[in-house]
PDB file of all heavy atoms in Angstrom:
ATOM      1  N   MET A   1     -65.331  95.706-161.881  1.00  0.00           N
ATOM      2  CA  MET A   1     -65.912  95.164-163.107  1.00  0.00           C
ATOM      3  C   MET A   1     -64.851  94.485-163.970  1.00  0.00           C
ATOM      4  O   MET A   1     -65.146  93.523-164.678  1.00  0.00           O
ATOM      5  CB  MET A   1     -66.599  96.276-163.899  1.00  0.00           C
ATOM      6  CG  MET A   1     -67.802  96.890-163.196  1.00  0.00           C
ATOM      7  SD  MET A   1     -69.071  95.683-162.716  1.00  0.00           S
ATOM      8  CE  MET A   1     -68.750  95.502-160.946  1.00  0.00           C
ATOM      9  N   ALA A   2     -63.612  94.962-163.931  1.00  0.00           N
ATOM     10  CA  ALA A   2     -62.537  94.290-164.661  1.00  0.00           C
ATOM     11  C   ALA A   2     -62.289  92.896-164.089  1.00  0.00           C
ATOM     12  O   ALA A   2     -62.083  91.934-164.844  1.00  0.00           O
ATOM     13  CB  ALA A   2     -61.263  95.135-164.597  1.00  0.00           C
ATOM     14  N   ILE A   3     -62.303  92.770-162.780  1.00  0.00           N
ATOM     15  CA  ILE A   3     -62.155  91.441-162.159  1.00  0.00           C
ATOM     16  C   ILE A   3     -63.310  90.534-162.568  1.00  0.00           C
ATOM     17  O   ILE A   3     -63.115  89.341-162.863  1.00  0.00           O
ATOM     18  CB  ILE A   3     -62.078  91.576-160.625  1.00  0.00           C
ATOM     19  CG1 ILE A   3     -60.858  92.401-160.224  1.00  0.00           C
ATOM     20  CG2 ILE A   3     -62.031  90.202-159.964  1.00  0.00           C
ATOM     21  CD1 ILE A   3     -60.786  92.694-158.738  1.00  0.00           C
ATOM     22  N   LEU A   4     -64.514  91.072-162.614  1.00  0.00           N
ATOM     23  CA  LEU A   4     -65.678  90.281-163.004  1.00  0.00           C
ATOM     24  C   LEU A   4     -65.569  89.798-164.446  1.00  0.00           C
ATOM     25  O   LEU A   4     -65.864  88.632-164.757  1.00  0.00           O
ATOM     26  CB  LEU A   4     -66.947  91.111-162.807  1.00  0.00           C
ATOM     27  CG  LEU A   4     -68.279  90.432-163.134  1.00  0.00           C
ATOM     28  CD1 LEU A   4     -68.451  89.185-162.305  1.00  0.00           C
ATOM     29  CD2 LEU A   4     -69.432  91.395-162.903  1.00  0.00           C
ATOM     30  N   VAL A   5     -65.125  90.673-165.354  1.00  0.00           N
ATOM     31  CA  VAL A   5     -64.969  90.279-166.755  1.00  0.00           C
ATOM     32  C   VAL A   5     -63.900  89.198-166.896  1.00  0.00           C
ATOM     33  O   VAL A   5     -64.073  88.219-167.637  1.00  0.00           O
ATOM     34  CB  VAL A   5     -64.632  91.515-167.614  1.00  0.00           C
ATOM     35  CG1 VAL A   5     -64.256  91.093-169.031  1.00  0.00           C
ATOM     36  CG2 VAL A   5     -65.817  92.462-167.654  1.00  0.00           C
ATOM     37  N   ILE A   6     -62.786  89.349-166.198  1.00  0.00           N
ATOM     38  CA  ILE A   6     -61.710  88.360-166.276  1.00  0.00           C
ATOM     39  C   ILE A   6     -62.175  87.005-165.767  1.00  0.00           C
ATOM     40  O   ILE A   6     -61.779  85.963-166.292  1.00  0.00           O
ATOM     41  CB  ILE A   6     -60.485  88.861-165.487  1.00  0.00           C
ATOM     42  CG1 ILE A   6     -59.880  90.078-166.185  1.00  0.00           C
ATOM     43  CG2 ILE A   6     -59.436  87.772-165.340  1.00  0.00           C
ATOM     44  CD1 ILE A   6     -58.775  90.746-165.399  1.00  0.00           C
ATOM     45  N   SER A   7     -63.033  86.993-164.769  1.00  0.00           N
ATOM     46  CA  SER A   7     -63.515  85.719-164.227  1.00  0.00           C
ATOM     47  C   SER A   7     -64.508  85.019-165.148  1.00  0.00           C
ATOM     48  O   SER A   7     -64.700  83.806-165.043  1.00  0.00           O
ATOM     49  CB  SER A   7     -64.169  85.949-162.860  1.00  0.00           C
ATOM     50  OG  SER A   7     -65.354  86.730-162.994  1.00  0.00           O
ATOM     51  N   VAL A   8     -65.140  85.765-166.061  1.00  0.00           N
ATOM     52  CA  VAL A   8     -66.159  85.184-166.946  1.00  0.00           C
ATOM     53  C   VAL A   8     -65.582  84.791-168.306  1.00  0.00           C
ATOM     54  O   VAL A   8     -66.030  83.821-168.927  1.00  0.00           O
ATOM     55  CB  VAL A   8     -67.330  86.182-167.119  1.00  0.00           C
ATOM     56  CG1 VAL A   8     -68.325  85.682-168.164  1.00  0.00           C
ATOM     57  CG2 VAL A   8     -68.034  86.401-165.803  1.00  0.00           C
ATOM     58  N   LEU A   9     -64.573  85.498-168.786  1.00  0.00           N
ATOM     59  CA  LEU A   9     -64.073  85.299-170.140  1.00  0.00           C
ATOM     60  C   LEU A   9     -63.589  83.874-170.439  1.00  0.00           C
ATOM     61  O   LEU A   9     -63.865  83.359-171.531  1.00  0.00           O
ATOM     62  CB  LEU A   9     -62.958  86.306-170.438  1.00  0.00           C
ATOM     63  CG  LEU A   9     -63.407  87.739-170.729  1.00  0.00           C
ATOM     64  CD1 LEU A   9     -62.201  88.614-171.041  1.00  0.00           C
ATOM     65  CD2 LEU A   9     -64.405  87.774-171.868  1.00  0.00           C
ATOM     66  N   PRO A  10     -62.846  83.200-169.560  1.00  0.00           N
ATOM     67  CA  PRO A  10     -62.388  81.844-169.918  1.00  0.00           C
ATOM     68  C   PRO A  10     -63.510  80.878-170.266  1.00  0.00           C
ATOM     69  O   PRO A  10     -63.401  80.110-171.232  1.00  0.00           O
ATOM     70  CB  PRO A  10     -61.628  81.393-168.660  1.00  0.00           C
ATOM     71  CG  PRO A  10     -61.162  82.651-168.031  1.00  0.00           C
ATOM     72  CD  PRO A  10     -62.255  83.647-168.270  1.00  0.00           C
ATOM     73  N   ILE A  11     -64.605  80.903-169.529  1.00  0.00           N
ATOM     74  CA  ILE A  11     -65.726  80.013-169.822  1.00  0.00           C
ATOM     75  C   ILE A  11     -66.396  80.414-171.133  1.00  0.00           C
ATOM     76  O   ILE A  11     -66.817  79.558-171.924  1.00  0.00           O
ATOM     77  CB  ILE A  11     -66.738  80.028-168.664  1.00  0.00           C
ATOM     78  CG1 ILE A  11     -66.048  79.624-167.355  1.00  0.00           C
ATOM     79  CG2 ILE A  11     -67.898  79.091-168.952  1.00  0.00           C
ATOM     80  CD1 ILE A  11     -65.413  78.252-167.401  1.00  0.00           C
ATOM     81  N   LEU A  12     -66.485  81.726-171.400  1.00  0.00           N
ATOM     82  CA  LEU A  12     -67.088  82.171-172.655  1.00  0.00           C
ATOM     83  C   LEU A  12     -66.250  81.765-173.859  1.00  0.00           C
ATOM     84  O   LEU A  12     -66.788  81.518-174.945  1.00  0.00           O
ATOM     85  CB  LEU A  12     -67.260  83.687-172.641  1.00  0.00           C
ATOM     86  CG  LEU A  12     -68.296  84.256-171.670  1.00  0.00           C
ATOM     87  CD1 LEU A  12     -68.364  85.764-171.795  1.00  0.00           C
ATOM     88  CD2 LEU A  12     -69.671  83.646-171.911  1.00  0.00           C
ATOM     89  N   PHE A  13     -64.943  81.683-173.699  1.00  0.00           N
ATOM     90  CA  PHE A  13     -64.082  81.283-174.807  1.00  0.00           C
ATOM     91  C   PHE A  13     -64.130  79.774-175.041  1.00  0.00           C
ATOM     92  O   PHE A  13     -64.026  79.303-176.169  1.00  0.00           O
ATOM     93  CB  PHE A  13     -62.643  81.719-174.541  1.00  0.00           C
ATOM     94  CG  PHE A  13     -62.420  83.183-174.759  1.00  0.00           C
ATOM     95  CD1 PHE A  13     -61.553  83.899-173.953  1.00  0.00           C
ATOM     96  CD2 PHE A  13     -63.084  83.862-175.768  1.00  0.00           C
ATOM     97  CE1 PHE A  13     -61.349  85.253-174.149  1.00  0.00           C
ATOM     98  CE2 PHE A  13     -62.889  85.215-175.974  1.00  0.00           C
ATOM     99  CZ  PHE A  13     -62.020  85.910-175.161  1.00  0.00           C
ATOM    100  N   ILE A  14     -64.278  78.998-173.979  1.00  0.00           N
ATOM    101  CA  ILE A  14     -64.246  77.538-174.107  1.00  0.00           C
ATOM    102  C   ILE A  14     -65.595  76.997-174.561  1.00  0.00           C
ATOM    103  O   ILE A  14     -65.665  76.060-175.359  1.00  0.00           O
ATOM    104  CB  ILE A  14     -63.827  76.899-172.772  1.00  0.00           C
ATOM    105  CG1 ILE A  14     -62.378  77.287-172.440  1.00  0.00           C
ATOM    106  CG2 ILE A  14     -63.961  75.386-172.819  1.00  0.00           C
ATOM    107  CD1 ILE A  14     -61.930  76.805-171.092  1.00  0.00           C
ATOM    108  N   TYR A  15     -66.683  77.590-174.098  1.00  0.00           N
ATOM    109  CA  TYR A  15     -68.015  77.027-174.346  1.00  0.00           C
ATOM    110  C   TYR A  15     -68.353  76.858-175.822  1.00  0.00           C
ATOM    111  O   TYR A  15     -68.907  75.823-176.210  1.00  0.00           O
ATOM    112  CB  TYR A  15     -69.067  77.884-173.650  1.00  0.00           C
ATOM    113  CG  TYR A  15     -70.481  77.399-173.865  1.00  0.00           C
ATOM    114  CD1 TYR A  15     -70.977  76.326-173.137  1.00  0.00           C
ATOM    115  CD2 TYR A  15     -71.312  78.002-174.799  1.00  0.00           C
ATOM    116  CE1 TYR A  15     -72.271  75.876-173.330  1.00  0.00           C
ATOM    117  CE2 TYR A  15     -72.596  77.553-175.009  1.00  0.00           C
ATOM    118  CZ  TYR A  15     -73.068  76.499-174.274  1.00  0.00           C
ATOM    119  OH  TYR A  15     -74.340  76.050-174.476  1.00  0.00           O
ATOM    120  N   PRO A  16     -68.062  77.842-176.725  1.00  0.00           N
ATOM    121  CA  PRO A  16     -68.443  77.644-178.140  1.00  0.00           C
ATOM    122  C   PRO A  16     -67.804  76.425-178.790  1.00  0.00           C
ATOM    123  O   PRO A  16     -68.389  75.835-179.707  1.00  0.00           O
ATOM    124  CB  PRO A  16     -67.968  78.946-178.813  1.00  0.00           C
ATOM    125  CG  PRO A  16     -67.947  79.947-177.732  1.00  0.00           C
ATOM    126  CD  PRO A  16     -67.533  79.200-176.509  1.00  0.00           C
ATOM    127  N   PHE A  17     -66.608  76.017-178.343  1.00  0.00           N
ATOM    128  CA  PHE A  17     -65.957  74.865-178.946  1.00  0.00           C
ATOM    129  C   PHE A  17     -66.544  73.544-178.440  1.00  0.00           C
ATOM    130  O   PHE A  17     -66.380  72.508-179.078  1.00  0.00           O
ATOM    131  CB  PHE A  17     -64.455  74.900-178.638  1.00  0.00           C
ATOM    132  CG  PHE A  17     -63.757  76.105-179.192  1.00  0.00           C
ATOM    133  CD1 PHE A  17     -63.485  77.196-178.386  1.00  0.00           C
ATOM    134  CD2 PHE A  17     -63.403  76.164-180.528  1.00  0.00           C
ATOM    135  CE1 PHE A  17     -62.842  78.319-178.888  1.00  0.00           C
ATOM    136  CE2 PHE A  17     -62.767  77.285-181.048  1.00  0.00           C
ATOM    137  CZ  PHE A  17     -62.488  78.358-180.225  1.00  0.00           C
ATOM    138  N   ILE A  18     -67.226  73.573-177.296  1.00  0.00           N
ATOM    139  CA  ILE A  18     -67.793  72.352-176.721  1.00  0.00           C
ATOM    140  C   ILE A  18     -69.281  72.255-176.976  1.00  0.00           C
ATOM    141  O   ILE A  18     -69.897  71.212-176.827  1.00  0.00           O
ATOM    142  CB  ILE A  18     -67.514  72.304-175.197  1.00  0.00           C
ATOM    143  CG1 ILE A  18     -66.036  72.568-174.920  1.00  0.00           C
ATOM    144  CG2 ILE A  18     -67.888  70.957-174.609  1.00  0.00           C
ATOM    145  CD1 ILE A  18     -65.103  71.519-175.468  1.00  0.00           C
ATOM    146  N   GLN A  19     -69.911  73.358-177.421  1.00  0.00           N
ATOM    147  CA  GLN A  19     -71.364  73.400-177.534  1.00  0.00           C
ATOM    148  C   GLN A  19     -71.906  72.336-178.484  1.00  0.00           C
ATOM    149  O   GLN A  19     -72.965  71.755-178.234  1.00  0.00           O
ATOM    150  CB  GLN A  19     -71.786  74.788-178.001  1.00  0.00           C
ATOM    151  CG  GLN A  19     -73.299  74.965-178.105  1.00  0.00           C
ATOM    152  CD  GLN A  19     -73.669  76.326-178.652  1.00  0.00           C
ATOM    153  OE1 GLN A  19     -72.797  77.063-179.109  1.00  0.00           O
ATOM    154  NE2 GLN A  19     -74.948  76.659-178.622  1.00  0.00           N
ATOM    155  N   LYS A  20     -71.194  72.061-179.573  1.00  0.00           N
ATOM    156  CA  LYS A  20     -71.695  71.110-180.562  1.00  0.00           C
ATOM    157  C   LYS A  20     -71.796  69.700-180.007  1.00  0.00           C
ATOM    158  O   LYS A  20     -72.502  68.855-180.556  1.00  0.00           O
ATOM    159  CB  LYS A  20     -70.796  71.116-181.788  1.00  0.00           C
ATOM    160  CG  LYS A  20     -69.355  70.709-181.495  1.00  0.00           C
ATOM    161  CD  LYS A  20     -68.490  70.759-182.744  1.00  0.00           C
ATOM    162  CE  LYS A  20     -67.050  70.358-182.443  1.00  0.00           C
ATOM    163  NZ  LYS A  20     -66.207  70.403-183.662  1.00  0.00           N
ATOM    164  N   HIS A  21     -71.086  69.402-178.918  1.00  0.00           N
ATOM    165  CA  HIS A  21     -71.113  68.067-178.332  1.00  0.00           C
ATOM    166  C   HIS A  21     -72.190  67.908-177.266  1.00  0.00           C
ATOM    167  O   HIS A  21     -72.370  66.810-176.754  1.00  0.00           O
ATOM    168  CB  HIS A  21     -69.762  67.732-177.711  1.00  0.00           C
ATOM    169  CG  HIS A  21     -68.627  67.718-178.691  1.00  0.00           C
ATOM    170  ND1 HIS A  21     -68.591  66.854-179.769  1.00  0.00           N
ATOM    171  CD2 HIS A  21     -67.492  68.450-178.764  1.00  0.00           C
ATOM    172  CE1 HIS A  21     -67.480  67.054-180.461  1.00  0.00           C
ATOM    173  NE2 HIS A  21     -66.799  68.018-179.871  1.00  0.00           N
ATOM    174  N   PHE A  22     -72.888  68.986-176.886  1.00  0.00           N
ATOM    175  CA  PHE A  22     -73.806  68.905-175.760  1.00  0.00           C
ATOM    176  C   PHE A  22     -74.953  67.933-176.017  1.00  0.00           C
ATOM    177  O   PHE A  22     -75.248  67.074-175.187  1.00  0.00           O
ATOM    178  CB  PHE A  22     -74.358  70.293-175.431  1.00  0.00           C
ATOM    179  CG  PHE A  22     -73.637  70.953-174.306  1.00  0.00           C
ATOM    180  CD1 PHE A  22     -72.387  71.505-174.515  1.00  0.00           C
ATOM    181  CD2 PHE A  22     -74.181  71.015-173.048  1.00  0.00           C
ATOM    182  CE1 PHE A  22     -71.713  72.117-173.487  1.00  0.00           C
ATOM    183  CE2 PHE A  22     -73.510  71.621-172.016  1.00  0.00           C
ATOM    184  CZ  PHE A  22     -72.273  72.178-172.230  1.00  0.00           C
ATOM    185  N   ALA A  23     -75.637  68.093-177.147  1.00  0.00           N
ATOM    186  CA  ALA A  23     -76.809  67.250-177.403  1.00  0.00           C
ATOM    187  C   ALA A  23     -76.428  65.779-177.473  1.00  0.00           C
ATOM    188  O   ALA A  23     -77.051  64.923-176.838  1.00  0.00           O
ATOM    189  CB  ALA A  23     -77.492  67.689-178.699  1.00  0.00           C
ATOM    190  N   LYS A  24     -75.368  65.467-178.215  1.00  0.00           N
ATOM    191  CA  LYS A  24     -74.960  64.076-178.358  1.00  0.00           C
ATOM    192  C   LYS A  24     -74.384  63.522-177.065  1.00  0.00           C
ATOM    193  O   LYS A  24     -74.676  62.405-176.657  1.00  0.00           O
ATOM    194  CB  LYS A  24     -73.936  63.951-179.483  1.00  0.00           C
ATOM    195  CG  LYS A  24     -73.504  62.515-179.759  1.00  0.00           C
ATOM    196  CD  LYS A  24     -72.511  62.455-180.912  1.00  0.00           C
ATOM    197  CE  LYS A  24     -72.072  61.013-181.157  1.00  0.00           C
ATOM    198  NZ  LYS A  24     -71.074  60.937-182.245  1.00  0.00           N
ATOM    199  N   GLY A  25     -73.586  64.311-176.383  1.00  0.00           N
ATOM    200  CA  GLY A  25     -72.926  63.829-175.187  1.00  0.00           C
ATOM    201  C   GLY A  25     -73.887  63.537-174.061  1.00  0.00           C
ATOM    202  O   GLY A  25     -73.699  62.580-173.298  1.00  0.00           O
TER     203      GLY A  25
END
């Protein structure tokens, strides 16, 4: 489960900063 969390965290950290551009982009 630690390996699974480590594999998911980078995308979870990056996505909120890019989310505002989704509709326009």
